[in-house]
Amino acid sequence: MKKLIYFLIVVVLGTTSYAQTYNTFEPSKTQFMLRGYGHTGFEYMDSGDETESTFLGAAFAPIFLYKHSDRLMFEAELEFVLEGNELETGLEYADVMYVLNRNMTVRAGKFLLPFGTFMERLHPAWINRLPNTPLGYGHDGIAPSSGIGVELRGAFDLGGPTLNYSVYSTNGPRLKDGSLEPEEAGMLQFENYEDTNLAKAYGGRIGLLPFSDSSSEIGFSAYSTSGTGEEDSEYEDIGAFLYALDFSFVKQISGIGGVVDVKAQYNNSNVDTATFTELEDGIAEEYSFDNQSNSFYGQLSYRPTMASNDFVKKLEFVGRYSDFNAPEGAEWEEKSVQYAFGVNYWLSWRSVVKLSYQTTETEGGHDGNGITNTDGLFLHWAIGF
């Protein structure tokens, strides 16, 4: 009996010691957060020959944030959008981040590219001051939005001014050869889940905030690859070089009683000349063109935050100019100019109702070789959470 009691005491003490060593019951340092945004609205479009009027189905973009420790984190954004009569889903980004030190963070996966600032910082519906993106972005645009790869980014305090930087490598863009969509021969397709050749894309951005109040930022971005075609194809060695210049100024100015917000970005795309094939009256003919494109947008908004009236304080007035020039001789040759004006009402700091008018003059493009004028009226409601 004494031996049994002694054995039980040893087991209990040993178990207690093990629990104290390996099960400290300390609170977990991991954190999980759900954020995101959604938007809906009404649009009226008139191009002269065709008129469209429609309520928009709601779009929902949940953002998942997971903090494993002070250094290791994960982020992802899904996108659910009603297009026509179908629900389209997408993965906007999903990447793992590790903080190396106070000046360096590395991340890998699918991430928004810091090519300028619009797609990485300003495109979400509740942040973008207008319902639509400027010309030069989106399906037919020339600015890359996201990629799969690895990135090193960070910032340095220069004793007043601040310098931020990013360098990355991703799966290179694909050159559309016109075999599936002849009217898009020569365009670059940036979001590639699998690379089709050995060439990778390399890029980066440097941003300088020259003033201690961080009211202004000037940035330069570059993006380059030595091959855009499939391996062993005639387009394998067709390279591309893109660059962008961006500017931002945000400051409350007492002389005008509110906040002025200025945004601008210029994009330039230069793809090596390639030869494509088109059918003319059933006969295959070869053609080529100087594959250079550019786009620009400049935006100014004003919010009277120092007004005495609460309703006026929540108003914001915005105007934007943008243009897009696609290469002459391409099937998608285009010259477009767009003006947009809007009035926003901020229900809260992250919920906004936007009313805007937009007019676009397009020469060429997918719809024809003539000049098309399109006017649009938009009413959108966006909310971030």
Foldseek 3Di string as FASTA:
>chain_A
DVVVVVVVVVVVVVVVVVCVVPPVVDDAQKDKDKWWKKKWWWKWKDFPVDIDTDTADMKTKIKIKIDRHPFKIKIWIKIWGCDDNDIDIDTLWIWIWGAPDQFKIKIFFKAFDPQDDCLRPAPPCLRPQANDDFPQDDDQHQTDTMFGWMKMWGKDDPPFKIKIKMKIKGQAWAADQCPVPVLRHGHTHGYDPDHQDDKIKIKMKMKMQPGNVSQKIKMKMKIWIQAHYGPPDPRGRWIKIKMKIKMWGWDADVVVQWIKIKIKMKIKIFIHKDKHWDADPNDIDIDIFRFIKMKMKIKMKIANCRDPDPQSNQKMKMKMKMWIAGTPPRSAGKTKIKIKIWMWGDPDPFKIWIWMKMWMWMAHGNVGHHIIIMIMIIIMIMGID
